[in-house]
Amino acid sequence: MSIFLRKTARVAGGLILLAAALVLLLVFWPAPKFATASPMLSSLPASVGGPDCVKSSTTRCLSMRDGVVLHGTWFESGSDLTVLLFHGVMSQSSELAATAKLLQETIGANVLNVDLRGHGLSEGKRGDISIIGQYEDDIADIVTMMRQERPFDTLILAGHSMGGGIIMRYAARQTLPQVDAYLLFAPHLGTNAPTSQPRQTEAAADNELVKIALPRTIGLALLNTIHVTVFNGLDTLFFNVPADSPLGRYSYRAMVSTSPDDYQQALTADSLPLLVVVGQHDEAFLAEEYPNVIQLHENGEVAIIANETHDSIVRSAAAFTAIQQWVAAWRP
């Protein structure tokens, strides 16, 4: 019997080593390459983190639990309605300055327009975070600050694309400080969501704008199921930008933190007012799929805005009319 057990143990050990070798092969699979330069990304945000943040009437220096300081721009309206606004992938808060101003003007809100960790003028390694979920931890710290500073305000979390996806991750974690509503501009609901599926008419040619290191992503996901996270800083999301661009790739732990793990669970986590506004001609996500997806939320609404795109939706007059009507419907 002991001989049999020893042989079985050797076989099992060999299989385990083989499986580990295969997973490591996936983890260290070469990064994808772009065959051609992409003119679509010739103009990118230039900020790569500024000098030490200096607080002013319009600048907020937001210290996170690990000491990293995020940069925020404050738009004061003098009301008791405050919006925390978060930008999308490969972006920064300055690209939502017009959006913040429109929120201030149309719904009378104070707006805190934030550079996410590792973006814009905020501190942090470009395209990386320390742990999966750190983006929503940062939002939790900001919400806590605002609740202390403005305890009687109605607080809305608002985000575009990746920013909206992070907000849905926040909603899924019910132990985090609660807000009062969610406003999402074409949110990234996850690669498994119907809104993220490829169009049937799309060509099968390689995407020369963005690529995911799929073998590496699979390998890292497998390791994370057994709580091995040491390789999570490897890059898995790549954008076709010049080599000297400050932000052109995201680590695995950053990439998986940009959208909810399970969009269904996120959308059924609470019943707070939720509005999704998306352009009819959104190039990143399937606008027509949002109504079916958002109906999972007990108090969710969708406004599909004619003739708008993924980026133009954040400045659309029709979108802000819909936002104004939505706020008036649930807030006295």
C-alpha atoms as a PDB file:
ATOM      1  CA  MET A   1       0.000   0.000   0.000  1.00  0.00           C
ATOM      2  CA  SER A   2       2.825   2.409   0.850  1.00  0.00           C
ATOM      3  CA  ILE A   3       4.425   1.830  -2.579  1.00  0.00           C
ATOM      4  CA  PHE A   4       1.108   2.626  -4.251  1.00  0.00           C
ATOM      5  CA  LEU A   5       0.748   5.802  -2.199  1.00  0.00           C
ATOM      6  CA  ARG A   6       4.285   6.911  -3.022  1.00  0.00           C
ATOM      7  CA  LYS A   7       3.677   6.374  -6.742  1.00  0.00           C
ATOM      8  CA  THR A   8       0.375   8.209  -6.536  1.00  0.00           C
ATOM      9  CA  ALA A   9       2.037  11.091  -4.717  1.00  0.00           C
ATOM     10  CA  ARG A  10       4.775  11.284  -7.357  1.00  0.00           C
ATOM     11  CA  VAL A  11       2.199  11.330 -10.160  1.00  0.00           C
ATOM     12  CA  ALA A  12       0.129  13.971  -8.376  1.00  0.00           C
ATOM     13  CA  GLY A  13       3.239  16.036  -7.715  1.00  0.00           C
ATOM     14  CA  GLY A  14       4.247  15.800 -11.345  1.00  0.00           C
ATOM     15  CA  LEU A  15       0.815  16.920 -12.489  1.00  0.00           C
ATOM     16  CA  ILE A  16       0.899  19.863 -10.081  1.00  0.00           C
ATOM     17  CA  LEU A  17       4.315  20.926 -11.358  1.00  0.00           C
ATOM     18  CA  LEU A  18       3.108  20.611 -14.943  1.00  0.00           C
ATOM     19  CA  ALA A  19       0.027  22.700 -14.202  1.00  0.00           C
ATOM     20  CA  ALA A  20       2.165  25.322 -12.452  1.00  0.00           C
ATOM     21  CA  ALA A  21       4.553  25.446 -15.391  1.00  0.00           C
ATOM     22  CA  LEU A  22       1.672  25.926 -17.835  1.00  0.00           C
ATOM     23  CA  VAL A  23       0.172  28.729 -15.743  1.00  0.00           C
ATOM     24  CA  LEU A  24       3.553  30.486 -15.492  1.00  0.00           C
ATOM     25  CA  LEU A  25       3.969  30.099 -19.236  1.00  0.00           C
ATOM     26  CA  LEU A  26       0.686  31.958 -19.683  1.00  0.00           C
ATOM     27  CA  VAL A  27       1.628  34.617 -17.116  1.00  0.00           C
ATOM     28  CA  PHE A  28       4.886  35.421 -18.884  1.00  0.00           C
ATOM     29  CA  TRP A  29       3.505  35.119 -22.409  1.00  0.00           C
ATOM     30  CA  PRO A  30       4.867  37.967 -24.561  1.00  0.00           C
ATOM     31  CA  ALA A  31       2.854  41.178 -24.629  1.00  0.00           C
ATOM     32  CA  PRO A  32       0.796  41.808 -27.783  1.00  0.00           C
ATOM     33  CA  LYS A  33       2.261  43.989 -30.520  1.00  0.00           C
ATOM     34  CA  PHE A  34       0.599  46.596 -32.710  1.00  0.00           C
ATOM     35  CA  ALA A  35       1.280  46.217 -36.409  1.00  0.00           C
ATOM     36  CA  THR A  36       0.638  49.863 -37.230  1.00  0.00           C
ATOM     37  CA  ALA A  37       0.609  53.202 -35.448  1.00  0.00           C
ATOM     38  CA  SER A  38      -2.825  54.499 -34.562  1.00  0.00           C
ATOM     39  CA  PRO A  39      -3.641  58.098 -35.568  1.00  0.00           C
ATOM     40  CA  MET A  40      -6.694  57.972 -33.273  1.00  0.00           C
ATOM     41  CA  LEU A  41      -4.457  58.390 -30.229  1.00  0.00           C
ATOM     42  CA  SER A  42      -2.202  61.121 -31.548  1.00  0.00           C
ATOM     43  CA  SER A  43      -3.562  63.559 -28.959  1.00  0.00           C
ATOM     44  CA  LEU A  44      -3.396  62.366 -25.368  1.00  0.00           C
ATOM     45  CA  PRO A  45      -3.585  64.028 -21.954  1.00  0.00           C
ATOM     46  CA  ALA A  46      -0.146  65.369 -21.160  1.00  0.00           C
ATOM     47  CA  SER A  47      -0.290  65.480 -17.370  1.00  0.00           C
ATOM     48  CA  VAL A  48       1.792  62.892 -15.557  1.00  0.00           C
ATOM     49  CA  GLY A  49       1.446  64.098 -11.989  1.00  0.00           C
ATOM     50  CA  GLY A  50       2.306  67.605 -10.985  1.00  0.00           C
ATOM     51  CA  PRO A  51       4.225  69.188  -8.115  1.00  0.00           C
ATOM     52  CA  ASP A  52       2.939  68.855  -4.574  1.00  0.00           C
ATOM     53  CA  CYS A  53      -0.773  69.614  -4.511  1.00  0.00           C
ATOM     54  CA  VAL A  54      -1.585  73.095  -3.194  1.00  0.00           C
ATOM     55  CA  LYS A  55      -5.086  73.530  -1.798  1.00  0.00           C
ATOM     56  CA  SER A  56      -7.072  76.541  -2.967  1.00  0.00           C
ATOM     57  CA  SER A  57     -10.687  77.581  -3.419  1.00  0.00           C
ATOM     58  CA  THR A  58     -10.803  75.433  -6.580  1.00  0.00           C
ATOM     59  CA  THR A  59      -8.204  72.743  -5.838  1.00  0.00           C
ATOM     60  CA  ARG A  60      -8.660  69.880  -3.393  1.00  0.00           C
ATOM     61  CA  CYS A  61      -5.739  67.732  -2.225  1.00  0.00           C
ATOM     62  CA  LEU A  62      -7.276  64.411  -1.237  1.00  0.00           C
ATOM     63  CA  SER A  63      -5.086  62.234   0.979  1.00  0.00           C
ATOM     64  CA  MET A  64      -5.876  58.531   0.678  1.00  0.00           C
ATOM     65  CA  ARG A  65      -5.463  55.923   3.417  1.00  0.00           C
ATOM     66  CA  ASP A  66      -1.993  54.949   2.100  1.00  0.00           C
ATOM     67  CA  GLY A  67      -0.779  58.552   1.914  1.00  0.00           C
ATOM     68  CA  VAL A  68      -1.152  58.988  -1.857  1.00  0.00           C
ATOM     69  CA  VAL A  69      -2.615  62.404  -2.704  1.00  0.00           C
ATOM     70  CA  LEU A  70      -5.248  62.709  -5.409  1.00  0.00           C
ATOM     71  CA  HIS A  71      -5.968  65.966  -7.192  1.00  0.00           C
ATOM     72  CA  GLY A  72      -9.510  67.305  -7.415  1.00  0.00           C
ATOM     73  CA  THR A  73     -11.011  70.434  -8.933  1.00  0.00           C
ATOM     74  CA  TRP A  74     -13.898  71.952  -6.985  1.00  0.00           C
ATOM     75  CA  PHE A  75     -16.843  73.683  -8.680  1.00  0.00           C
ATOM     76  CA  GLU A  76     -18.817  75.522  -6.006  1.00  0.00           C
ATOM     77  CA  SER A  77     -22.533  76.223  -6.433  1.00  0.00           C
ATOM     78  CA  GLY A  78     -23.509  76.852  -2.810  1.00  0.00           C
ATOM     79  CA  SER A  79     -26.152  74.115  -2.841  1.00  0.00           C
ATOM     80  CA  ASP A  80     -26.661  70.967  -0.773  1.00  0.00           C
ATOM     81  CA  LEU A  81     -26.236  68.718  -3.827  1.00  0.00           C
ATOM     82  CA  THR A  82     -22.717  67.480  -4.532  1.00  0.00           C
ATOM     83  CA  VAL A  83     -21.432  65.335  -7.410  1.00  0.00           C
ATOM     84  CA  LEU A  84     -18.169  63.383  -7.276  1.00  0.00           C
ATOM     85  CA  LEU A  85     -17.029  63.001 -10.889  1.00  0.00           C
ATOM     86  CA  PHE A  86     -14.571  60.387 -12.223  1.00  0.00           C
ATOM     87  CA  HIS A  87     -13.054  60.165 -15.706  1.00  0.00           C
ATOM     88  CA  GLY A  88     -12.490  57.240 -18.070  1.00  0.00           C
ATOM     89  CA  VAL A  89      -9.543  55.143 -19.207  1.00  0.00           C
ATOM     90  CA  MET A  90      -6.437  56.911 -20.594  1.00  0.00           C
ATOM     91  CA  SER A  91      -7.955  60.178 -19.418  1.00  0.00           C
ATOM     92  CA  GLN A  92      -7.900  62.742 -16.608  1.00  0.00           C
ATOM     93  CA  SER A  93     -10.233  65.141 -14.852  1.00  0.00           C
ATOM     94  CA  SER A  94      -9.425  68.097 -17.125  1.00  0.00           C
ATOM     95  CA  GLU A  95     -11.213  66.286 -19.954  1.00  0.00           C
ATOM     96  CA  LEU A  96     -14.415  66.415 -17.867  1.00  0.00           C
ATOM     97  CA  ALA A  97     -14.108  70.068 -16.911  1.00  0.00           C
ATOM     98  CA  ALA A  98     -16.934  71.011 -19.286  1.00  0.00           C
ATOM     99  CA  THR A  99     -19.029  68.168 -17.851  1.00  0.00           C
ATOM    100  CA  ALA A 100     -18.473  69.436 -14.320  1.00  0.00           C
ATOM    101  CA  LYS A 101     -19.491  72.948 -15.377  1.00  0.00           C
ATOM    102  CA  LEU A 102     -22.650  71.628 -17.033  1.00  0.00           C
ATOM    103  CA  LEU A 103     -23.581  69.700 -13.885  1.00  0.00           C
ATOM    104  CA  GLN A 104     -23.055  72.864 -11.891  1.00  0.00           C
ATOM    105  CA  GLU A 105     -25.250  74.884 -14.248  1.00  0.00           C
ATOM    106  CA  THR A 106     -28.058  72.430 -15.044  1.00  0.00           C
ATOM    107  CA  ILE A 107     -28.707  70.771 -11.673  1.00  0.00           C
ATOM    108  CA  GLY A 108     -27.137  73.388  -9.403  1.00  0.00           C
ATOM    109  CA  ALA A 109     -24.606  70.960  -7.955  1.00  0.00           C
ATOM    110  CA  ASN A 110     -21.240  71.421  -6.378  1.00  0.00           C
ATOM    111  CA  VAL A 111     -18.868  69.179  -8.325  1.00  0.00           C
ATOM    112  CA  LEU A 112     -15.599  67.593  -7.265  1.00  0.00           C
ATOM    113  CA  ASN A 113     -13.847  66.514 -10.477  1.00  0.00           C
ATOM    114  CA  VAL A 114     -11.154  63.988  -9.505  1.00  0.00           C
ATOM    115  CA  ASP A 115      -8.006  62.629 -11.146  1.00  0.00           C
ATOM    116  CA  LEU A 116      -7.975  58.924 -10.356  1.00  0.00           C
ATOM    117  CA  ARG A 117      -4.865  57.430  -8.779  1.00  0.00           C
ATOM    118  CA  GLY A 118      -2.073  57.280 -11.360  1.00  0.00           C
ATOM    119  CA  HIS A 119      -3.839  59.709 -13.711  1.00  0.00           C
ATOM    120  CA  GLY A 120      -3.607  63.408 -14.425  1.00  0.00           C
ATOM    121  CA  LEU A 121      -2.210  65.457 -11.542  1.00  0.00           C
ATOM    122  CA  SER A 122      -2.772  62.746  -8.931  1.00  0.00           C
ATOM    123  CA  GLU A 123       0.036  60.763  -7.398  1.00  0.00           C
ATOM    124  CA  GLY A 124       0.472  57.058  -8.050  1.00  0.00           C
ATOM    125  CA  LYS A 125       2.175  54.890 -10.627  1.00  0.00           C
ATOM    126  CA  ARG A 126       0.753  55.434 -14.108  1.00  0.00           C
ATOM    127  CA  GLY A 127      -1.637  52.643 -15.081  1.00  0.00           C
ATOM    128  CA  ASP A 128      -1.196  50.694 -11.860  1.00  0.00           C
ATOM    129  CA  ILE A 129      -2.580  50.349  -8.355  1.00  0.00           C
ATOM    130  CA  SER A 130      -1.356  48.407  -5.331  1.00  0.00           C
ATOM    131  CA  ILE A 131      -4.240  45.970  -4.952  1.00  0.00           C
ATOM    132  CA  ILE A 132      -7.333  44.954  -6.876  1.00  0.00           C
ATOM    133  CA  GLY A 133     -10.151  47.267  -5.830  1.00  0.00           C
ATOM    134  CA  GLN A 134      -7.995  50.230  -4.824  1.00  0.00           C
ATOM    135  CA  TYR A 135      -9.888  52.622  -7.096  1.00  0.00           C
ATOM    136  CA  GLU A 136     -13.117  52.044  -5.172  1.00  0.00           C
ATOM    137  CA  ASP A 137     -11.188  52.234  -1.873  1.00  0.00           C
ATOM    138  CA  ASP A 138     -10.108  55.714  -2.987  1.00  0.00           C
ATOM    139  CA  ILE A 139     -13.705  56.657  -3.739  1.00  0.00           C
ATOM    140  CA  ALA A 140     -14.667  55.420  -0.280  1.00  0.00           C
ATOM    141  CA  ASP A 141     -12.042  57.720   1.274  1.00  0.00           C
ATOM    142  CA  ILE A 142     -13.329  60.676  -0.768  1.00  0.00           C
ATOM    143  CA  VAL A 143     -16.952  59.934   0.168  1.00  0.00           C
ATOM    144  CA  THR A 144     -15.944  59.808   3.835  1.00  0.00           C
ATOM    145  CA  MET A 145     -14.221  63.192   3.519  1.00  0.00           C
ATOM    146  CA  MET A 146     -17.252  64.750   1.843  1.00  0.00           C
ATOM    147  CA  ARG A 147     -19.645  63.306   4.430  1.00  0.00           C
ATOM    148  CA  GLN A 148     -17.541  64.875   7.170  1.00  0.00           C
ATOM    149  CA  GLU A 149     -17.245  68.205   5.379  1.00  0.00           C
ATOM    150  CA  ARG A 150     -20.826  68.391   4.077  1.00  0.00           C
ATOM    151  CA  PRO A 151     -22.911  66.025   6.251  1.00  0.00           C
ATOM    152  CA  PHE A 152     -26.281  67.236   4.967  1.00  0.00           C
ATOM    153  CA  ASP A 153     -25.547  67.148   1.240  1.00  0.00           C
ATOM    154  CA  THR A 154     -27.139  64.775  -1.228  1.00  0.00           C
ATOM    155  CA  LEU A 155     -24.168  62.953  -2.737  1.00  0.00           C
ATOM    156  CA  ILE A 156     -24.076  61.590  -6.311  1.00  0.00           C
ATOM    157  CA  LEU A 157     -21.291  59.425  -7.698  1.00  0.00           C
ATOM    158  CA  ALA A 158     -20.813  60.172 -11.404  1.00  0.00           C
ATOM    159  CA  GLY A 159     -18.405  58.619 -13.883  1.00  0.00           C
ATOM    160  CA  HIS A 160     -17.656  58.232 -17.555  1.00  0.00           C
ATOM    161  CA  SER A 161     -16.758  54.838 -19.069  1.00  0.00           C
ATOM    162  CA  MET A 162     -14.101  53.369 -16.743  1.00  0.00           C
ATOM    163  CA  GLY A 163     -15.193  55.850 -14.069  1.00  0.00           C
ATOM    164  CA  GLY A 164     -18.717  54.461 -14.315  1.00  0.00           C
ATOM    165  CA  GLY A 165     -17.394  50.909 -14.105  1.00  0.00           C
ATOM    166  CA  ILE A 166     -15.479  51.729 -10.926  1.00  0.00           C
ATOM    167  CA  ILE A 167     -18.632  53.240  -9.452  1.00  0.00           C
ATOM    168  CA  MET A 168     -20.493  49.997 -10.148  1.00  0.00           C
ATOM    169  CA  ARG A 169     -17.699  48.117  -8.367  1.00  0.00           C
ATOM    170  CA  TYR A 170     -18.258  50.538  -5.490  1.00  0.00           C
ATOM    171  CA  ALA A 171     -21.995  49.791  -5.493  1.00  0.00           C
ATOM    172  CA  ALA A 172     -21.300  46.054  -5.370  1.00  0.00           C
ATOM    173  CA  ARG A 173     -19.286  46.464  -2.152  1.00  0.00           C
ATOM    174  CA  GLN A 174     -22.137  47.204   0.207  1.00  0.00           C
ATOM    175  CA  THR A 175     -19.847  47.753   3.199  1.00  0.00           C
ATOM    176  CA  LEU A 176     -18.451  50.990   1.733  1.00  0.00           C
ATOM    177  CA  PRO A 177     -19.850  54.412   2.765  1.00  0.00           C
ATOM    178  CA  GLN A 178     -23.225  54.886   1.109  1.00  0.00           C
ATOM    179  CA  VAL A 179     -24.027  57.690  -1.290  1.00  0.00           C
ATOM    180  CA  ASP A 180     -27.432  58.843  -2.526  1.00  0.00           C
ATOM    181  CA  ALA A 181     -27.430  58.178  -6.283  1.00  0.00           C
ATOM    182  CA  TYR A 182     -25.369  57.117  -9.299  1.00  0.00           C
ATOM    183  CA  LEU A 183     -24.995  58.974 -12.597  1.00  0.00           C
ATOM    184  CA  LEU A 184     -23.139  56.993 -15.260  1.00  0.00           C
ATOM    185  CA  PHE A 185     -22.040  58.158 -18.709  1.00  0.00           C
ATOM    186  CA  ALA A 186     -21.636  55.070 -20.973  1.00  0.00           C
ATOM    187  CA  PRO A 187     -20.290  52.932 -18.117  1.00  0.00           C
ATOM    188  CA  HIS A 188     -17.963  49.973 -18.568  1.00  0.00           C
ATOM    189  CA  LEU A 189     -20.026  47.176 -17.010  1.00  0.00           C
ATOM    190  CA  GLY A 190     -17.474  44.422 -17.611  1.00  0.00           C
ATOM    191  CA  THR A 191     -16.357  42.239 -20.486  1.00  0.00           C
ATOM    192  CA  ASN A 192     -19.096  39.707 -19.698  1.00  0.00           C
ATOM    193  CA  ALA A 193     -21.886  42.297 -19.904  1.00  0.00           C
ATOM    194  CA  PRO A 194     -24.063  42.420 -23.060  1.00  0.00           C
ATOM    195  CA  THR A 195     -23.080  46.078 -23.475  1.00  0.00           C
ATOM    196  CA  SER A 196     -19.457  45.028 -24.046  1.00  0.00           C
ATOM    197  CA  GLN A 197     -19.989  42.304 -26.637  1.00  0.00           C
ATOM    198  CA  PRO A 198     -18.586  42.847 -30.155  1.00  0.00           C
ATOM    199  CA  ARG A 199     -20.954  43.896 -32.898  1.00  0.00           C
ATOM    200  CA  GLN A 200     -21.795  41.210 -35.424  1.00  0.00           C
ATOM    201  CA  THR A 201     -20.775  43.516 -38.265  1.00  0.00           C
ATOM    202  CA  GLU A 202     -17.273  44.150 -36.926  1.00  0.00           C
ATOM    203  CA  ALA A 203     -14.379  42.813 -38.955  1.00  0.00           C
ATOM    204  CA  ALA A 204     -12.296  40.056 -37.420  1.00  0.00           C
ATOM    205  CA  ALA A 205      -9.042  41.943 -38.036  1.00  0.00           C
ATOM    206  CA  ASP A 206      -6.791  42.659 -35.079  1.00  0.00           C
ATOM    207  CA  ASN A 207      -7.722  45.752 -33.117  1.00  0.00           C
ATOM    208  CA  GLU A 208      -4.977  48.311 -33.639  1.00  0.00           C
ATOM    209  CA  LEU A 209      -6.262  50.677 -30.958  1.00  0.00           C
ATOM    210  CA  VAL A 210      -6.234  48.507 -27.837  1.00  0.00           C
ATOM    211  CA  LYS A 211      -5.163  44.956 -27.055  1.00  0.00           C
ATOM    212  CA  ILE A 212      -5.511  42.666 -24.052  1.00  0.00           C
ATOM    213  CA  ALA A 213      -2.727  40.201 -23.281  1.00  0.00           C
ATOM    214  CA  LEU A 214      -5.206  37.335 -23.131  1.00  0.00           C
ATOM    215  CA  PRO A 215      -2.881  34.412 -22.247  1.00  0.00           C
ATOM    216  CA  ARG A 216      -1.315  36.498 -19.469  1.00  0.00           C
ATOM    217  CA  THR A 217      -4.730  37.587 -18.221  1.00  0.00           C
ATOM    218  CA  ILE A 218      -5.931  33.974 -18.084  1.00  0.00           C
ATOM    219  CA  GLY A 219      -2.799  32.873 -16.235  1.00  0.00           C
ATOM    220  CA  LEU A 220      -3.079  35.663 -13.690  1.00  0.00           C
ATOM    221  CA  ALA A 221      -6.782  34.978 -13.171  1.00  0.00           C
ATOM    222  CA  LEU A 222      -5.979  31.339 -12.444  1.00  0.00           C
ATOM    223  CA  LEU A 223      -3.303  32.335  -9.930  1.00  0.00           C
ATOM    224  CA  ASN A 224      -5.696  34.761  -8.237  1.00  0.00           C
ATOM    225  CA  THR A 225      -8.200  31.955  -7.647  1.00  0.00           C
ATOM    226  CA  ILE A 226      -5.611  30.437  -5.286  1.00  0.00           C
ATOM    227  CA  HIS A 227      -4.716  33.864  -3.856  1.00  0.00           C
ATOM    228  CA  VAL A 228      -1.365  34.169  -5.604  1.00  0.00           C
ATOM    229  CA  THR A 229      -1.131  37.888  -6.387  1.00  0.00           C
ATOM    230  CA  VAL A 230       2.606  38.493  -6.655  1.00  0.00           C
ATOM    231  CA  PHE A 231       2.443  38.903 -10.456  1.00  0.00           C
ATOM    232  CA  ASN A 232      -0.624  41.195 -10.544  1.00  0.00           C
ATOM    233  CA  GLY A 233       1.541  44.190 -11.430  1.00  0.00           C
ATOM    234  CA  LEU A 234       2.264  42.765 -14.884  1.00  0.00           C
ATOM    235  CA  ASP A 235       0.672  44.762 -17.704  1.00  0.00           C
ATOM    236  CA  THR A 236      -2.312  43.191 -19.470  1.00  0.00           C
ATOM    237  CA  LEU A 237      -4.102  46.107 -21.185  1.00  0.00           C
ATOM    238  CA  PHE A 238      -2.191  47.913 -23.925  1.00  0.00           C
ATOM    239  CA  PHE A 239      -3.060  51.019 -25.953  1.00  0.00           C
ATOM    240  CA  ASN A 240      -1.539  51.968 -29.280  1.00  0.00           C
ATOM    241  CA  VAL A 241       0.294  55.116 -28.224  1.00  0.00           C
ATOM    242  CA  PRO A 242       3.830  56.438 -28.777  1.00  0.00           C
ATOM    243  CA  ALA A 243       6.466  54.777 -26.613  1.00  0.00           C
ATOM    244  CA  ASP A 244       7.103  57.981 -24.658  1.00  0.00           C
ATOM    245  CA  SER A 245       3.441  58.483 -23.710  1.00  0.00           C
ATOM    246  CA  PRO A 246       2.966  58.780 -19.936  1.00  0.00           C
ATOM    247  CA  LEU A 247       0.080  56.324 -19.893  1.00  0.00           C
ATOM    248  CA  GLY A 248      -0.229  53.542 -22.453  1.00  0.00           C
ATOM    249  CA  ARG A 249      -0.815  50.358 -20.493  1.00  0.00           C
ATOM    250  CA  TYR A 250      -2.592  49.086 -17.393  1.00  0.00           C
ATOM    251  CA  SER A 251      -1.538  46.334 -15.026  1.00  0.00           C
ATOM    252  CA  TYR A 252      -3.717  43.292 -14.396  1.00  0.00           C
ATOM    253  CA  ARG A 253      -4.786  44.590 -10.996  1.00  0.00           C
ATOM    254  CA  ALA A 254      -5.686  47.974 -12.499  1.00  0.00           C
ATOM    255  CA  MET A 255      -7.455  46.477 -15.519  1.00  0.00           C
ATOM    256  CA  VAL A 256      -9.743  44.209 -13.506  1.00  0.00           C
ATOM    257  CA  SER A 257     -10.535  47.121 -11.172  1.00  0.00           C
ATOM    258  CA  THR A 258     -12.088  49.220 -13.956  1.00  0.00           C
ATOM    259  CA  SER A 259     -15.415  47.356 -14.090  1.00  0.00           C
ATOM    260  CA  PRO A 260     -17.548  45.141 -11.835  1.00  0.00           C
ATOM    261  CA  ASP A 261     -16.620  41.475 -11.527  1.00  0.00           C
ATOM    262  CA  ASP A 262     -20.307  40.596 -11.956  1.00  0.00           C
ATOM    263  CA  TYR A 263     -22.521  43.276 -13.514  1.00  0.00           C
ATOM    264  CA  GLN A 264     -25.679  41.492 -12.367  1.00  0.00           C
ATOM    265  CA  GLN A 265     -24.560  41.446  -8.754  1.00  0.00           C
ATOM    266  CA  ALA A 266     -23.515  45.104  -8.953  1.00  0.00           C
ATOM    267  CA  LEU A 267     -26.858  46.182 -10.414  1.00  0.00           C
ATOM    268  CA  THR A 268     -28.863  44.340  -7.771  1.00  0.00           C
ATOM    269  CA  ALA A 269     -26.774  45.449  -4.800  1.00  0.00           C
ATOM    270  CA  ASP A 270     -28.999  48.403  -3.856  1.00  0.00           C
ATOM    271  CA  SER A 271     -32.000  50.439  -4.974  1.00  0.00           C
ATOM    272  CA  LEU A 272     -30.485  53.936  -5.042  1.00  0.00           C
ATOM    273  CA  PRO A 273     -31.492  56.171  -7.969  1.00  0.00           C
ATOM    274  CA  LEU A 274     -29.382  55.289 -11.018  1.00  0.00           C
ATOM    275  CA  LEU A 275     -29.267  56.989 -14.399  1.00  0.00           C
ATOM    276  CA  VAL A 276     -27.233  55.802 -17.373  1.00  0.00           C
ATOM    277  CA  VAL A 277     -26.841  58.193 -20.297  1.00  0.00           C
ATOM    278  CA  VAL A 278     -25.259  56.810 -23.458  1.00  0.00           C
ATOM    279  CA  GLY A 279     -24.852  58.041 -27.004  1.00  0.00           C
ATOM    280  CA  GLN A 280     -26.773  56.322 -29.780  1.00  0.00           C
ATOM    281  CA  HIS A 281     -23.530  55.989 -31.746  1.00  0.00           C
ATOM    282  CA  ASP A 282     -21.284  54.905 -28.878  1.00  0.00           C
ATOM    283  CA  GLU A 283     -18.199  53.248 -30.378  1.00  0.00           C
ATOM    284  CA  ALA A 284     -16.992  51.526 -27.199  1.00  0.00           C
ATOM    285  CA  PHE A 285     -20.176  49.851 -25.970  1.00  0.00           C
ATOM    286  CA  LEU A 286     -23.533  48.695 -27.372  1.00  0.00           C
ATOM    287  CA  ALA A 287     -25.966  51.495 -26.545  1.00  0.00           C
ATOM    288  CA  GLU A 288     -28.998  49.394 -27.448  1.00  0.00           C
ATOM    289  CA  GLU A 289     -28.117  46.797 -24.799  1.00  0.00           C
ATOM    290  CA  TYR A 290     -28.134  49.183 -21.838  1.00  0.00           C
ATOM    291  CA  PRO A 291     -31.946  49.217 -21.279  1.00  0.00           C
ATOM    292  CA  ASN A 292     -32.104  45.423 -20.914  1.00  0.00           C
ATOM    293  CA  VAL A 293     -29.092  45.381 -18.604  1.00  0.00           C
ATOM    294  CA  ILE A 294     -30.043  48.344 -16.419  1.00  0.00           C
ATOM    295  CA  GLN A 295     -33.553  46.981 -15.847  1.00  0.00           C
ATOM    296  CA  LEU A 296     -31.876  44.601 -13.399  1.00  0.00           C
ATOM    297  CA  HIS A 297     -31.553  47.608 -11.095  1.00  0.00           C
ATOM    298  CA  GLU A 298     -34.647  48.281  -9.018  1.00  0.00           C
ATOM    299  CA  ASN A 299     -34.406  52.035  -9.515  1.00  0.00           C
ATOM    300  CA  GLY A 300     -32.386  52.306 -12.730  1.00  0.00           C
ATOM    301  CA  GLU A 301     -33.121  54.357 -15.844  1.00  0.00           C
ATOM    302  CA  VAL A 302     -31.443  54.697 -19.238  1.00  0.00           C
ATOM    303  CA  ALA A 303     -31.405  57.640 -21.631  1.00  0.00           C
ATOM    304  CA  ILE A 304     -30.055  56.881 -25.112  1.00  0.00           C
ATOM    305  CA  ILE A 305     -29.172  60.203 -26.693  1.00  0.00           C
ATOM    306  CA  ALA A 306     -29.513  60.483 -30.469  1.00  0.00           C
ATOM    307  CA  ASN A 307     -26.450  61.282 -32.581  1.00  0.00           C
ATOM    308  CA  GLU A 308     -24.004  61.234 -29.643  1.00  0.00           C
ATOM    309  CA  THR A 309     -20.853  59.125 -29.307  1.00  0.00           C
ATOM    310  CA  HIS A 310     -18.858  57.641 -26.425  1.00  0.00           C
ATOM    311  CA  ASP A 311     -16.986  60.880 -25.761  1.00  0.00           C
ATOM    312  CA  SER A 312     -19.533  63.464 -26.890  1.00  0.00           C
ATOM    313  CA  ILE A 313     -22.151  62.153 -24.438  1.00  0.00           C
ATOM    314  CA  VAL A 314     -20.437  63.963 -21.548  1.00  0.00           C
ATOM    315  CA  ARG A 315     -21.125  67.336 -23.180  1.00  0.00           C
ATOM    316  CA  SER A 316     -24.498  66.662 -24.799  1.00  0.00           C
ATOM    317  CA  ALA A 317     -27.226  69.231 -24.129  1.00  0.00           C
ATOM    318  CA  ALA A 318     -29.883  66.521 -24.523  1.00  0.00           C
ATOM    319  CA  ALA A 319     -28.062  64.329 -22.017  1.00  0.00           C
ATOM    320  CA  PHE A 320     -28.049  67.103 -19.451  1.00  0.00           C
ATOM    321  CA  THR A 321     -31.752  67.734 -20.000  1.00  0.00           C
ATOM    322  CA  ALA A 322     -32.312  64.064 -19.147  1.00  0.00           C
ATOM    323  CA  ILE A 323     -30.079  64.404 -16.070  1.00  0.00           C
ATOM    324  CA  GLN A 324     -31.965  67.481 -14.921  1.00  0.00           C
ATOM    325  CA  GLN A 325     -35.309  65.682 -15.234  1.00  0.00           C
ATOM    326  CA  TRP A 326     -33.944  62.618 -13.442  1.00  0.00           C
ATOM    327  CA  VAL A 327     -32.693  64.619 -10.448  1.00  0.00           C
ATOM    328  CA  ALA A 328     -35.967  66.534 -10.208  1.00  0.00           C
ATOM    329  CA  ALA A 329     -37.922  63.247 -10.163  1.00  0.00           C
ATOM    330  CA  TRP A 330     -36.281  61.754  -7.058  1.00  0.00           C
ATOM    331  CA  ARG A 331     -34.941  64.759  -5.168  1.00  0.00           C
ATOM    332  CA  PRO A 332     -37.411  67.226  -3.639  1.00  0.00           C
END
